[in-house]
């Protein structure tokens, strides 16, 4: 049986891979952010996330994240991902921690 929070995080990755910044942020709270783990905020607010993603998608038009594993505990989802900026480009792994407020994401933190 699937968890709705994991479903949301997976949907966000699908939207990310489709380079659909609008769809991605629609699953976030208005004041959501993306940040490094326990560190600096990279993109602040829904509009900050949207504009940051659009700029990244323009720079890396073939960018793709693949989910290796998913975990949920309470209101938190953790995804282990492999990210490639281009099919033959450099790849790296990332742990993404999704914190929820109700059924929307209010913070995503990245460990890389």
C-alpha atoms as a PDB file:
ATOM      1  CA  UNK A   1       0.000   0.000   0.000  1.00  0.00           C
ATOM      2  CA  UNK A   2       1.353   3.378  -0.994  1.00  0.00           C
ATOM      3  CA  UNK A   3       1.585   6.392   1.273  1.00  0.00           C
ATOM      4  CA  UNK A   4       0.113   9.703  -0.008  1.00  0.00           C
ATOM      5  CA  UNK A   5       3.249  11.612   1.047  1.00  0.00           C
ATOM      6  CA  UNK A   6       5.490   9.263  -0.962  1.00  0.00           C
ATOM      7  CA  UNK A   7       3.072   9.603  -3.871  1.00  0.00           C
ATOM      8  CA  UNK A   8       3.413  13.402  -3.672  1.00  0.00           C
ATOM      9  CA  UNK A   9       7.229  13.292  -3.549  1.00  0.00           C
ATOM     10  CA  UNK A  10       7.304  10.869  -6.505  1.00  0.00           C
ATOM     11  CA  UNK A  11       4.899  13.135  -8.396  1.00  0.00           C
ATOM     12  CA  UNK A  12       7.220  16.072  -7.742  1.00  0.00           C
ATOM     13  CA  UNK A  13      10.143  14.140  -9.234  1.00  0.00           C
ATOM     14  CA  UNK A  14       8.038  13.245 -12.292  1.00  0.00           C
ATOM     15  CA  UNK A  15       7.185  16.942 -12.724  1.00  0.00           C
ATOM     16  CA  UNK A  16      10.855  17.851 -12.191  1.00  0.00           C
ATOM     17  CA  UNK A  17      11.820  15.382 -14.938  1.00  0.00           C
ATOM     18  CA  UNK A  18       9.160  16.916 -17.203  1.00  0.00           C
ATOM     19  CA  UNK A  19      10.697  20.318 -16.370  1.00  0.00           C
ATOM     20  CA  UNK A  20       7.280  21.469 -15.170  1.00  0.00           C
ATOM     21  CA  UNK A  21       8.191  24.034 -12.516  1.00  0.00           C
ATOM     22  CA  UNK A  22       4.575  25.212 -12.229  1.00  0.00           C
ATOM     23  CA  UNK A  23       3.267  21.707 -11.535  1.00  0.00           C
ATOM     24  CA  UNK A  24       6.115  21.046  -9.090  1.00  0.00           C
ATOM     25  CA  UNK A  25       5.432  24.130  -6.965  1.00  0.00           C
ATOM     26  CA  UNK A  26       1.672  23.515  -7.043  1.00  0.00           C
ATOM     27  CA  UNK A  27       2.379  20.655  -4.612  1.00  0.00           C
ATOM     28  CA  UNK A  28       4.124  23.040  -2.185  1.00  0.00           C
ATOM     29  CA  UNK A  29       2.884  25.520   0.401  1.00  0.00           C
ATOM     30  CA  UNK A  30       3.083  29.221  -0.499  1.00  0.00           C
ATOM     31  CA  UNK A  31       6.046  29.752   1.858  1.00  0.00           C
ATOM     32  CA  UNK A  32       7.855  26.501   1.024  1.00  0.00           C
ATOM     33  CA  UNK A  33      11.580  26.428   0.404  1.00  0.00           C
ATOM     34  CA  UNK A  34      14.398  24.244  -0.852  1.00  0.00           C
ATOM     35  CA  UNK A  35      17.595  24.172   1.191  1.00  0.00           C
ATOM     36  CA  UNK A  36      20.758  22.287   1.918  1.00  0.00           C
ATOM     37  CA  UNK A  37      20.391  19.869   4.820  1.00  0.00           C
ATOM     38  CA  UNK A  38      20.386  21.925   8.029  1.00  0.00           C
ATOM     39  CA  UNK A  39      21.839  24.792   6.050  1.00  0.00           C
ATOM     40  CA  UNK A  40      21.240  27.666   3.701  1.00  0.00           C
ATOM     41  CA  UNK A  41      17.951  28.166   1.893  1.00  0.00           C
ATOM     42  CA  UNK A  42      18.562  27.808  -1.845  1.00  0.00           C
ATOM     43  CA  UNK A  43      15.104  28.802  -3.112  1.00  0.00           C
ATOM     44  CA  UNK A  44      12.657  30.669  -0.872  1.00  0.00           C
ATOM     45  CA  UNK A  45       8.886  30.629  -1.262  1.00  0.00           C
ATOM     46  CA  UNK A  46       6.836  29.031  -4.007  1.00  0.00           C
ATOM     47  CA  UNK A  47       7.861  31.762  -6.469  1.00  0.00           C
ATOM     48  CA  UNK A  48      11.537  31.437  -5.538  1.00  0.00           C
ATOM     49  CA  UNK A  49      11.401  27.680  -6.131  1.00  0.00           C
ATOM     50  CA  UNK A  50       9.580  28.192  -9.444  1.00  0.00           C
ATOM     51  CA  UNK A  51      12.061  30.760 -10.792  1.00  0.00           C
ATOM     52  CA  UNK A  52      15.068  28.761  -9.552  1.00  0.00           C
ATOM     53  CA  UNK A  53      13.833  25.588 -11.229  1.00  0.00           C
ATOM     54  CA  UNK A  54      13.075  27.403 -14.487  1.00  0.00           C
ATOM     55  CA  UNK A  55      16.612  28.830 -14.547  1.00  0.00           C
ATOM     56  CA  UNK A  56      18.104  25.387 -13.850  1.00  0.00           C
ATOM     57  CA  UNK A  57      15.958  23.731 -16.537  1.00  0.00           C
ATOM     58  CA  UNK A  58      17.139  26.349 -19.019  1.00  0.00           C
ATOM     59  CA  UNK A  59      20.771  25.658 -18.086  1.00  0.00           C
ATOM     60  CA  UNK A  60      20.312  21.850 -18.050  1.00  0.00           C
ATOM     61  CA  UNK A  61      17.568  20.972 -20.572  1.00  0.00           C
ATOM     62  CA  UNK A  62      18.260  17.229 -20.255  1.00  0.00           C
ATOM     63  CA  UNK A  63      18.448  17.180 -16.445  1.00  0.00           C
ATOM     64  CA  UNK A  64      16.869  14.073 -14.886  1.00  0.00           C
ATOM     65  CA  UNK A  65      16.468  12.568 -11.410  1.00  0.00           C
ATOM     66  CA  UNK A  66      15.821   8.854 -10.870  1.00  0.00           C
ATOM     67  CA  UNK A  67      14.519   7.586  -7.540  1.00  0.00           C
ATOM     68  CA  UNK A  68      16.572   4.720  -6.135  1.00  0.00           C
ATOM     69  CA  UNK A  69      14.597   4.288  -2.901  1.00  0.00           C
ATOM     70  CA  UNK A  70      11.877   5.979  -0.840  1.00  0.00           C
ATOM     71  CA  UNK A  71      11.161   6.143   2.876  1.00  0.00           C
ATOM     72  CA  UNK A  72       8.402   7.715   4.930  1.00  0.00           C
ATOM     73  CA  UNK A  73       8.231   8.365   8.661  1.00  0.00           C
ATOM     74  CA  UNK A  74       5.422  10.529   9.979  1.00  0.00           C
ATOM     75  CA  UNK A  75       5.217  13.721   7.933  1.00  0.00           C
ATOM     76  CA  UNK A  76       8.650  13.253   6.346  1.00  0.00           C
ATOM     77  CA  UNK A  77       9.651  11.512   3.117  1.00  0.00           C
ATOM     78  CA  UNK A  78      13.236  10.765   2.147  1.00  0.00           C
ATOM     79  CA  UNK A  79      14.174   9.937  -1.435  1.00  0.00           C
ATOM     80  CA  UNK A  80      17.551   8.576  -2.515  1.00  0.00           C
ATOM     81  CA  UNK A  81      18.076   9.819  -6.071  1.00  0.00           C
ATOM     82  CA  UNK A  82      20.580   9.724  -8.886  1.00  0.00           C
ATOM     83  CA  UNK A  83      20.705  12.973 -10.862  1.00  0.00           C
ATOM     84  CA  UNK A  84      22.266  13.521 -14.294  1.00  0.00           C
ATOM     85  CA  UNK A  85      22.493  16.928 -15.930  1.00  0.00           C
ATOM     86  CA  UNK A  86      22.672  15.244 -19.378  1.00  0.00           C
ATOM     87  CA  UNK A  87      22.448  11.625 -20.581  1.00  0.00           C
ATOM     88  CA  UNK A  88      26.231  11.370 -21.016  1.00  0.00           C
ATOM     89  CA  UNK A  89      27.038  13.988 -18.368  1.00  0.00           C
ATOM     90  CA  UNK A  90      28.170  13.813 -14.793  1.00  0.00           C
ATOM     91  CA  UNK A  91      25.919  12.013 -12.352  1.00  0.00           C
ATOM     92  CA  UNK A  92      25.616  12.464  -8.617  1.00  0.00           C
ATOM     93  CA  UNK A  93      23.547  11.031  -5.791  1.00  0.00           C
ATOM     94  CA  UNK A  94      21.347  13.074  -3.512  1.00  0.00           C
ATOM     95  CA  UNK A  95      19.126  12.422  -0.510  1.00  0.00           C
ATOM     96  CA  UNK A  96      16.074  14.680  -0.602  1.00  0.00           C
ATOM     97  CA  UNK A  97      14.106  15.212   2.593  1.00  0.00           C
ATOM     98  CA  UNK A  98      10.517  16.354   2.060  1.00  0.00           C
ATOM     99  CA  UNK A  99       8.741  17.899   5.058  1.00  0.00           C
ATOM    100  CA  UNK A 100       4.972  18.245   4.837  1.00  0.00           C
ATOM    101  CA  UNK A 101       2.365  20.626   6.168  1.00  0.00           C
ATOM    102  CA  UNK A 102      -0.922  18.833   5.637  1.00  0.00           C
ATOM    103  CA  UNK A 103      -0.861  17.374   2.155  1.00  0.00           C
ATOM    104  CA  UNK A 104       1.628  19.912   0.736  1.00  0.00           C
ATOM    105  CA  UNK A 105       5.421  20.059   0.915  1.00  0.00           C
ATOM    106  CA  UNK A 106       6.731  22.979   2.938  1.00  0.00           C
ATOM    107  CA  UNK A 107      10.460  22.237   2.813  1.00  0.00           C
ATOM    108  CA  UNK A 108      12.826  20.119   0.762  1.00  0.00           C
ATOM    109  CA  UNK A 109      16.379  19.664   2.022  1.00  0.00           C
ATOM    110  CA  UNK A 110      19.183  18.130  -0.008  1.00  0.00           C
ATOM    111  CA  UNK A 111      22.146  16.066   1.153  1.00  0.00           C
ATOM    112  CA  UNK A 112      24.773  15.728  -1.519  1.00  0.00           C
END
